[in-house]
Amino acid sequence: MQHCTQRLCILEISNAAAPLVNLNLQDGEVESFELVPIEKVARIISEERAYKPNCCLVIIDFLIRHGVLTPEHPGYDRLVFALRP
């Protein structure tokens, strides 16, 4: 992966509002959306290659900000350092 800066915009959507979001999947960029427990997402990115690397960075940032990925996790300091220049 080449070194670049990515900007992340955070938009909180309640579970009640999520089905109301107008999704246009016609551009081929996204195949579908699925609500998955965050613990499962964390397992998927650590064990599989189901997501593109740049998507994993956004997920890892979310896991850190929400306390799912904690300093006790091996490599935590390295991840935080890499994400927060």
PDB file of N, CA and C in Angstrom:
ATOM      1  N   MET A   1       0.851  -1.165   0.000  1.00  0.00           N
ATOM      2  CA  MET A   1       0.000   0.000   0.000  1.00  0.00           C
ATOM      3  C   MET A   1       0.898   1.230   0.000  1.00  0.00           C
ATOM      4  N   GLN A   2       0.577   2.159  -0.877  1.00  0.00           N
ATOM      5  CA  GLN A   2       1.362   3.376  -0.923  1.00  0.00           C
ATOM      6  C   GLN A   2       0.949   4.321   0.200  1.00  0.00           C
ATOM      7  N   HIS A   3       1.892   5.135   0.611  1.00  0.00           N
ATOM      8  CA  HIS A   3       1.636   6.088   1.689  1.00  0.00           C
ATOM      9  C   HIS A   3       0.804   7.244   1.141  1.00  0.00           C
ATOM     10  N   CYS A   4      -0.320   7.502   1.776  1.00  0.00           N
ATOM     11  CA  CYS A   4      -1.160   8.623   1.384  1.00  0.00           C
ATOM     12  C   CYS A   4      -2.002   9.037   2.579  1.00  0.00           C
ATOM     13  N   THR A   5      -2.639  10.169   2.460  1.00  0.00           N
ATOM     14  CA  THR A   5      -3.512  10.661   3.514  1.00  0.00           C
ATOM     15  C   THR A   5      -4.951  10.383   3.133  1.00  0.00           C
ATOM     16  N   GLN A   6      -5.690   9.796   4.061  1.00  0.00           N
ATOM     17  CA  GLN A   6      -7.110   9.579   3.854  1.00  0.00           C
ATOM     18  C   GLN A   6      -7.864  10.408   4.875  1.00  0.00           C
ATOM     19  N   ARG A   7      -8.935  11.009   4.459  1.00  0.00           N
ATOM     20  CA  ARG A   7      -9.783  11.773   5.361  1.00  0.00           C
ATOM     21  C   ARG A   7     -10.988  10.909   5.710  1.00  0.00           C
ATOM     22  N   LEU A   8     -11.386  10.953   6.957  1.00  0.00           N
ATOM     23  CA  LEU A   8     -12.498  10.144   7.433  1.00  0.00           C
ATOM     24  C   LEU A   8     -13.569  11.061   8.011  1.00  0.00           C
ATOM     25  N   CYS A   9     -14.763  10.970   7.470  1.00  0.00           N
ATOM     26  CA  CYS A   9     -15.912  11.711   7.989  1.00  0.00           C
ATOM     27  C   CYS A   9     -16.781  10.732   8.759  1.00  0.00           C
ATOM     28  N   ILE A  10     -17.123  11.079   9.975  1.00  0.00           N
ATOM     29  CA  ILE A  10     -17.890  10.184  10.839  1.00  0.00           C
ATOM     30  C   ILE A  10     -19.338  10.639  10.858  1.00  0.00           C
ATOM     31  N   LEU A  11     -20.225   9.730  10.515  1.00  0.00           N
ATOM     32  CA  LEU A  11     -21.652  10.008  10.502  1.00  0.00           C
ATOM     33  C   LEU A  11     -22.351   8.939  11.312  1.00  0.00           C
ATOM     34  N   GLU A  12     -22.888   9.334  12.453  1.00  0.00           N
ATOM     35  CA  GLU A  12     -23.612   8.394  13.323  1.00  0.00           C
ATOM     36  C   GLU A  12     -25.037   8.246  12.818  1.00  0.00           C
ATOM     37  N   ILE A  13     -25.485   7.020  12.620  1.00  0.00           N
ATOM     38  CA  ILE A  13     -26.849   6.733  12.195  1.00  0.00           C
ATOM     39  C   ILE A  13     -27.433   5.746  13.191  1.00  0.00           C
ATOM     40  N   SER A  14     -28.592   6.087  13.748  1.00  0.00           N
ATOM     41  CA  SER A  14     -29.225   5.186  14.706  1.00  0.00           C
ATOM     42  C   SER A  14     -29.742   3.944  13.984  1.00  0.00           C
ATOM     43  N   ASN A  15     -29.929   2.859  14.729  1.00  0.00           N
ATOM     44  CA  ASN A  15     -30.466   1.635  14.141  1.00  0.00           C
ATOM     45  C   ASN A  15     -31.838   1.879  13.527  1.00  0.00           C
ATOM     46  N   ALA A  16     -32.621   2.755  14.141  1.00  0.00           N
ATOM     47  CA  ALA A  16     -33.961   3.042  13.633  1.00  0.00           C
ATOM     48  C   ALA A  16     -33.901   3.782  12.297  1.00  0.00           C
ATOM     49  N   ALA A  17     -32.906   4.633  12.117  1.00  0.00           N
ATOM     50  CA  ALA A  17     -32.810   5.434  10.896  1.00  0.00           C
ATOM     51  C   ALA A  17     -32.090   4.707   9.771  1.00  0.00           C
ATOM     52  N   ALA A  18     -31.302   3.697  10.087  1.00  0.00           N
ATOM     53  CA  ALA A  18     -30.498   3.022   9.077  1.00  0.00           C
ATOM     54  C   ALA A  18     -31.300   2.529   7.877  1.00  0.00           C
ATOM     55  N   PRO A  19     -32.474   1.909   8.058  1.00  0.00           N
ATOM     56  CA  PRO A  19     -33.219   1.458   6.872  1.00  0.00           C
ATOM     57  C   PRO A  19     -33.758   2.597   6.013  1.00  0.00           C
ATOM     58  N   LEU A  20     -33.792   3.809   6.562  1.00  0.00           N
ATOM     59  CA  LEU A  20     -34.337   4.944   5.828  1.00  0.00           C
ATOM     60  C   LEU A  20     -33.309   5.609   4.916  1.00  0.00           C
ATOM     61  N   VAL A  21     -32.043   5.217   5.048  1.00  0.00           N
ATOM     62  CA  VAL A  21     -30.983   5.816   4.238  1.00  0.00           C
ATOM     63  C   VAL A  21     -31.201   5.413   2.788  1.00  0.00           C
ATOM     64  N   ASN A  22     -31.220   6.394   1.888  1.00  0.00           N
ATOM     65  CA  ASN A  22     -31.413   6.120   0.472  1.00  0.00           C
ATOM     66  C   ASN A  22     -30.092   5.642  -0.116  1.00  0.00           C
ATOM     67  N   LEU A  23     -30.038   4.389  -0.489  1.00  0.00           N
ATOM     68  CA  LEU A  23     -28.805   3.808  -1.004  1.00  0.00           C
ATOM     69  C   LEU A  23     -28.904   3.610  -2.507  1.00  0.00           C
ATOM     70  N   ASN A  24     -27.964   4.187  -3.218  1.00  0.00           N
ATOM     71  CA  ASN A  24     -27.910   3.996  -4.662  1.00  0.00           C
ATOM     72  C   ASN A  24     -26.738   3.075  -4.948  1.00  0.00           C
ATOM     73  N   LEU A  25     -27.021   1.824  -5.253  1.00  0.00           N
ATOM     74  CA  LEU A  25     -25.975   0.834  -5.502  1.00  0.00           C
ATOM     75  C   LEU A  25     -25.707   0.669  -6.993  1.00  0.00           C
ATOM     76  N   GLN A  26     -26.156   1.603  -7.799  1.00  0.00           N
ATOM     77  CA  GLN A  26     -26.058   1.478  -9.247  1.00  0.00           C
ATOM     78  C   GLN A  26     -24.651   1.718  -9.792  1.00  0.00           C
ATOM     79  N   ASP A  27     -23.788   2.387  -9.038  1.00  0.00           N
ATOM     80  CA  ASP A  27     -22.471   2.726  -9.581  1.00  0.00           C
ATOM     81  C   ASP A  27     -21.481   1.567  -9.523  1.00  0.00           C
ATOM     82  N   GLY A  28     -21.871   0.438  -8.903  1.00  0.00           N
ATOM     83  CA  GLY A  28     -20.998  -0.728  -8.848  1.00  0.00           C
ATOM     84  C   GLY A  28     -19.917  -0.643  -7.779  1.00  0.00           C
ATOM     85  N   GLU A  29     -19.851   0.456  -7.061  1.00  0.00           N
ATOM     86  CA  GLU A  29     -18.835   0.633  -6.023  1.00  0.00           C
ATOM     87  C   GLU A  29     -19.130  -0.251  -4.810  1.00  0.00           C
ATOM     88  N   VAL A  30     -20.411  -0.433  -4.488  1.00  0.00           N
ATOM     89  CA  VAL A  30     -20.814  -1.237  -3.338  1.00  0.00           C
ATOM     90  C   VAL A  30     -21.794  -2.299  -3.807  1.00  0.00           C
ATOM     91  N   GLU A  31     -21.538  -3.533  -3.413  1.00  0.00           N
ATOM     92  CA  GLU A  31     -22.426  -4.625  -3.808  1.00  0.00           C
ATOM     93  C   GLU A  31     -23.669  -4.673  -2.934  1.00  0.00           C
ATOM     94  N   SER A  32     -23.477  -4.501  -1.615  1.00  0.00           N
ATOM     95  CA  SER A  32     -24.599  -4.551  -0.686  1.00  0.00           C
ATOM     96  C   SER A  32     -24.166  -3.997   0.664  1.00  0.00           C
ATOM     97  N   PHE A  33     -25.134  -3.829   1.547  1.00  0.00           N
ATOM     98  CA  PHE A  33     -24.871  -3.419   2.916  1.00  0.00           C
ATOM     99  C   PHE A  33     -25.430  -4.481   3.844  1.00  0.00           C
ATOM    100  N   GLU A  34     -24.741  -4.704   4.960  1.00  0.00           N
ATOM    101  CA  GLU A  34     -25.189  -5.692   5.934  1.00  0.00           C
ATOM    102  C   GLU A  34     -24.802  -5.195   7.325  1.00  0.00           C
ATOM    103  N   LEU A  35     -25.726  -5.270   8.267  1.00  0.00           N
ATOM    104  CA  LEU A  35     -25.440  -4.892   9.646  1.00  0.00           C
ATOM    105  C   LEU A  35     -24.780  -6.084  10.333  1.00  0.00           C
ATOM    106  N   VAL A  36     -23.530  -5.914  10.755  1.00  0.00           N
ATOM    107  CA  VAL A  36     -22.738  -6.992  11.339  1.00  0.00           C
ATOM    108  C   VAL A  36     -22.236  -6.541  12.708  1.00  0.00           C
ATOM    109  N   PRO A  37     -22.305  -7.398  13.729  1.00  0.00           N
ATOM    110  CA  PRO A  37     -21.758  -7.025  15.040  1.00  0.00           C
ATOM    111  C   PRO A  37     -20.271  -6.658  14.920  1.00  0.00           C
ATOM    112  N   ILE A  38     -19.867  -5.626  15.650  1.00  0.00           N
ATOM    113  CA  ILE A  38     -18.498  -5.112  15.518  1.00  0.00           C
ATOM    114  C   ILE A  38     -17.448  -6.169  15.864  1.00  0.00           C
ATOM    115  N   GLU A  39     -17.748  -7.060  16.786  1.00  0.00           N
ATOM    116  CA  GLU A  39     -16.790  -8.119  17.134  1.00  0.00           C
ATOM    117  C   GLU A  39     -16.541  -9.032  15.935  1.00  0.00           C
ATOM    118  N   LYS A  40     -17.588  -9.279  15.145  1.00  0.00           N
ATOM    119  CA  LYS A  40     -17.437 -10.113  13.950  1.00  0.00           C
ATOM    120  C   LYS A  40     -16.603  -9.390  12.900  1.00  0.00           C
ATOM    121  N   VAL A  41     -16.828  -8.092  12.756  1.00  0.00           N
ATOM    122  CA  VAL A  41     -16.043  -7.303  11.803  1.00  0.00           C
ATOM    123  C   VAL A  41     -14.567  -7.336  12.200  1.00  0.00           C
ATOM    124  N   ALA A  42     -14.282  -7.171  13.490  1.00  0.00           N
ATOM    125  CA  ALA A  42     -12.895  -7.212  13.977  1.00  0.00           C
ATOM    126  C   ALA A  42     -12.260  -8.557  13.659  1.00  0.00           C
ATOM    127  N   ARG A  43     -13.000  -9.630  13.846  1.00  0.00           N
ATOM    128  CA  ARG A  43     -12.475 -10.970  13.541  1.00  0.00           C
ATOM    129  C   ARG A  43     -12.232 -11.124  12.040  1.00  0.00           C
ATOM    130  N   ILE A  44     -13.169 -10.650  11.244  1.00  0.00           N
ATOM    131  CA  ILE A  44     -13.037 -10.769   9.790  1.00  0.00           C
ATOM    132  C   ILE A  44     -11.787 -10.063   9.285  1.00  0.00           C
ATOM    133  N   ILE A  45     -11.534  -8.837   9.745  1.00  0.00           N
ATOM    134  CA  ILE A  45     -10.352  -8.128   9.225  1.00  0.00           C
ATOM    135  C   ILE A  45      -9.046  -8.702   9.758  1.00  0.00           C
ATOM    136  N   SER A  46      -9.099  -9.409  10.883  1.00  0.00           N
ATOM    137  CA  SER A  46      -7.862  -9.997  11.396  1.00  0.00           C
ATOM    138  C   SER A  46      -7.583 -11.378  10.809  1.00  0.00           C
ATOM    139  N   GLU A  47      -8.622 -12.065  10.308  1.00  0.00           N
ATOM    140  CA  GLU A  47      -8.448 -13.440   9.835  1.00  0.00           C
ATOM    141  C   GLU A  47      -8.644 -13.627   8.337  1.00  0.00           C
ATOM    142  N   GLU A  48      -9.312 -12.713   7.689  1.00  0.00           N
ATOM    143  CA  GLU A  48      -9.654 -12.892   6.280  1.00  0.00           C
ATOM    144  C   GLU A  48      -9.219 -11.676   5.466  1.00  0.00           C
ATOM    145  N   ARG A  49      -9.378 -11.789   4.182  1.00  0.00           N
ATOM    146  CA  ARG A  49      -9.103 -10.657   3.286  1.00  0.00           C
ATOM    147  C   ARG A  49     -10.395 -10.265   2.572  1.00  0.00           C
ATOM    148  N   ALA A  50     -11.449 -10.078   3.362  1.00  0.00           N
ATOM    149  CA  ALA A  50     -12.770  -9.771   2.816  1.00  0.00           C
ATOM    150  C   ALA A  50     -12.915  -8.292   2.464  1.00  0.00           C
ATOM    151  N   TYR A  51     -12.057  -7.443   3.022  1.00  0.00           N
ATOM    152  CA  TYR A  51     -12.144  -6.001   2.783  1.00  0.00           C
ATOM    153  C   TYR A  51     -10.851  -5.512   2.138  1.00  0.00           C
ATOM    154  N   LYS A  52     -10.959  -4.434   1.372  1.00  0.00           N
ATOM    155  CA  LYS A  52      -9.764  -3.827   0.786  1.00  0.00           C
ATOM    156  C   LYS A  52      -8.938  -3.210   1.920  1.00  0.00           C
ATOM    157  N   PRO A  53      -7.609  -3.131   1.751  1.00  0.00           N
ATOM    158  CA  PRO A  53      -6.747  -2.581   2.809  1.00  0.00           C
ATOM    159  C   PRO A  53      -7.154  -1.191   3.287  1.00  0.00           C
ATOM    160  N   ASN A  54      -7.549  -0.307   2.371  1.00  0.00           N
ATOM    161  CA  ASN A  54      -7.929   1.046   2.804  1.00  0.00           C
ATOM    162  C   ASN A  54      -9.208   1.012   3.642  1.00  0.00           C
ATOM    163  N   CYS A  55     -10.089   0.052   3.402  1.00  0.00           N
ATOM    164  CA  CYS A  55     -11.295  -0.099   4.215  1.00  0.00           C
ATOM    165  C   CYS A  55     -10.932  -0.609   5.610  1.00  0.00           C
ATOM    166  N   CYS A  56      -9.950  -1.497   5.676  1.00  0.00           N
ATOM    167  CA  CYS A  56      -9.507  -2.017   6.974  1.00  0.00           C
ATOM    168  C   CYS A  56      -8.962  -0.904   7.854  1.00  0.00           C
ATOM    169  N   LEU A  57      -8.287   0.074   7.254  1.00  0.00           N
ATOM    170  CA  LEU A  57      -7.766   1.200   8.040  1.00  0.00           C
ATOM    171  C   LEU A  57      -8.894   1.960   8.719  1.00  0.00           C
ATOM    172  N   VAL A  58      -9.987   2.180   8.004  1.00  0.00           N
ATOM    173  CA  VAL A  58     -11.137   2.886   8.574  1.00  0.00           C
ATOM    174  C   VAL A  58     -11.753   2.055   9.697  1.00  0.00           C
ATOM    175  N   ILE A  59     -11.846   0.754   9.492  1.00  0.00           N
ATOM    176  CA  ILE A  59     -12.411  -0.137  10.515  1.00  0.00           C
ATOM    177  C   ILE A  59     -11.524  -0.161  11.753  1.00  0.00           C
ATOM    178  N   ILE A  60     -10.214  -0.249  11.565  1.00  0.00           N
ATOM    179  CA  ILE A  60      -9.286  -0.256  12.704  1.00  0.00           C
ATOM    180  C   ILE A  60      -9.400   1.047  13.483  1.00  0.00           C
ATOM    181  N   ASP A  61      -9.502   2.168  12.774  1.00  0.00           N
ATOM    182  CA  ASP A  61      -9.681   3.458  13.444  1.00  0.00           C
ATOM    183  C   ASP A  61     -10.961   3.445  14.287  1.00  0.00           C
ATOM    184  N   PHE A  62     -12.047   2.913  13.745  1.00  0.00           N
ATOM    185  CA  PHE A  62     -13.314   2.812  14.474  1.00  0.00           C
ATOM    186  C   PHE A  62     -13.141   1.941  15.718  1.00  0.00           C
ATOM    187  N   LEU A  63     -12.478   0.787  15.565  1.00  0.00           N
ATOM    188  CA  LEU A  63     -12.272  -0.126  16.691  1.00  0.00           C
ATOM    189  C   LEU A  63     -11.492   0.544  17.815  1.00  0.00           C
ATOM    190  N   ILE A  64     -10.517   1.353  17.463  1.00  0.00           N
ATOM    191  CA  ILE A  64      -9.726   2.059  18.470  1.00  0.00           C
ATOM    192  C   ILE A  64     -10.570   3.138  19.151  1.00  0.00           C
ATOM    193  N   ARG A  65     -11.261   3.966  18.355  1.00  0.00           N
ATOM    194  CA  ARG A  65     -12.057   5.058  18.928  1.00  0.00           C
ATOM    195  C   ARG A  65     -13.187   4.569  19.820  1.00  0.00           C
ATOM    196  N   HIS A  66     -13.699   3.378  19.568  1.00  0.00           N
ATOM    197  CA  HIS A  66     -14.821   2.850  20.343  1.00  0.00           C
ATOM    198  C   HIS A  66     -14.400   1.831  21.401  1.00  0.00           C
ATOM    199  N   GLY A  67     -13.096   1.708  21.626  1.00  0.00           N
ATOM    200  CA  GLY A  67     -12.602   0.873  22.711  1.00  0.00           C
ATOM    201  C   GLY A  67     -12.700  -0.627  22.484  1.00  0.00           C
ATOM    202  N   VAL A  68     -12.954  -1.041  21.256  1.00  0.00           N
ATOM    203  CA  VAL A  68     -12.977  -2.476  20.951  1.00  0.00           C
ATOM    204  C   VAL A  68     -11.545  -2.984  20.847  1.00  0.00           C
ATOM    205  N   LEU A  69     -10.689  -2.199  20.239  1.00  0.00           N
ATOM    206  CA  LEU A  69      -9.265  -2.506  20.141  1.00  0.00           C
ATOM    207  C   LEU A  69      -8.563  -1.677  21.211  1.00  0.00           C
ATOM    208  N   THR A  70      -7.986  -2.340  22.201  1.00  0.00           N
ATOM    209  CA  THR A  70      -7.412  -1.663  23.373  1.00  0.00           C
ATOM    210  C   THR A  70      -5.890  -1.807  23.403  1.00  0.00           C
ATOM    211  N   PRO A  71      -5.222  -1.054  24.278  1.00  0.00           N
ATOM    212  CA  PRO A  71      -3.758  -1.137  24.366  1.00  0.00           C
ATOM    213  C   PRO A  71      -3.235  -2.540  24.690  1.00  0.00           C
ATOM    214  N   GLU A  72      -4.078  -3.400  25.218  1.00  0.00           N
ATOM    215  CA  GLU A  72      -3.644  -4.766  25.518  1.00  0.00           C
ATOM    216  C   GLU A  72      -3.472  -5.609  24.258  1.00  0.00           C
ATOM    217  N   HIS A  73      -4.041  -5.173  23.157  1.00  0.00           N
ATOM    218  CA  HIS A  73      -3.957  -5.918  21.894  1.00  0.00           C
ATOM    219  C   HIS A  73      -2.528  -5.843  21.352  1.00  0.00           C
ATOM    220  N   PRO A  74      -1.965  -6.989  20.932  1.00  0.00           N
ATOM    221  CA  PRO A  74      -0.618  -6.968  20.347  1.00  0.00           C
ATOM    222  C   PRO A  74      -0.568  -6.039  19.128  1.00  0.00           C
ATOM    223  N   GLY A  75       0.401  -5.154  19.102  1.00  0.00           N
ATOM    224  CA  GLY A  75       0.568  -4.238  17.985  1.00  0.00           C
ATOM    225  C   GLY A  75      -0.274  -2.974  18.063  1.00  0.00           C
ATOM    226  N   TYR A  76      -0.983  -2.787  19.179  1.00  0.00           N
ATOM    227  CA  TYR A  76      -1.856  -1.615  19.337  1.00  0.00           C
ATOM    228  C   TYR A  76      -1.084  -0.307  19.138  1.00  0.00           C
ATOM    229  N   ASP A  77       0.038  -0.153  19.827  1.00  0.00           N
ATOM    230  CA  ASP A  77       0.807   1.095  19.738  1.00  0.00           C
ATOM    231  C   ASP A  77       1.244   1.371  18.303  1.00  0.00           C
ATOM    232  N   ARG A  78       1.641   0.336  17.621  1.00  0.00           N
ATOM    233  CA  ARG A  78       2.067   0.488  16.224  1.00  0.00           C
ATOM    234  C   ARG A  78       0.921   0.937  15.328  1.00  0.00           C
ATOM    235  N   LEU A  79      -0.261   0.351  15.554  1.00  0.00           N
ATOM    236  CA  LEU A  79      -1.443   0.743  14.782  1.00  0.00           C
ATOM    237  C   LEU A  79      -1.813   2.201  15.029  1.00  0.00           C
ATOM    238  N   VAL A  80      -1.846   2.589  16.298  1.00  0.00           N
ATOM    239  CA  VAL A  80      -2.201   3.974  16.636  1.00  0.00           C
ATOM    240  C   VAL A  80      -1.199   4.942  16.039  1.00  0.00           C
ATOM    241  N   PHE A  81       0.070   4.616  16.127  1.00  0.00           N
ATOM    242  CA  PHE A  81       1.103   5.473  15.565  1.00  0.00           C
ATOM    243  C   PHE A  81       0.931   5.607  14.048  1.00  0.00           C
ATOM    244  N   ALA A  82       0.629   4.508  13.375  1.00  0.00           N
ATOM    245  CA  ALA A  82       0.470   4.533  11.923  1.00  0.00           C
ATOM    246  C   ALA A  82      -0.773   5.315  11.492  1.00  0.00           C
ATOM    247  N   LEU A  83      -1.824   5.268  12.299  1.00  0.00           N
ATOM    248  CA  LEU A  83      -3.062   5.953  11.945  1.00  0.00           C
ATOM    249  C   LEU A  83      -3.062   7.428  12.308  1.00  0.00           C
ATOM    250  N   ARG A  84      -2.278   7.810  13.276  1.00  0.00           N
ATOM    251  CA  ARG A  84      -2.307   9.179  13.783  1.00  0.00           C
ATOM    252  C   ARG A  84      -0.929   9.837  13.612  1.00  0.00           C
ATOM    253  N   PRO A  85      -0.680  10.354  12.417  1.00  0.00           N
ATOM    254  CA  PRO A  85       0.665  10.937  12.167  1.00  0.00           C
ATOM    255  C   PRO A  85       0.958  12.173  12.985  1.00  0.00           C
TER     256      PRO A  85
END
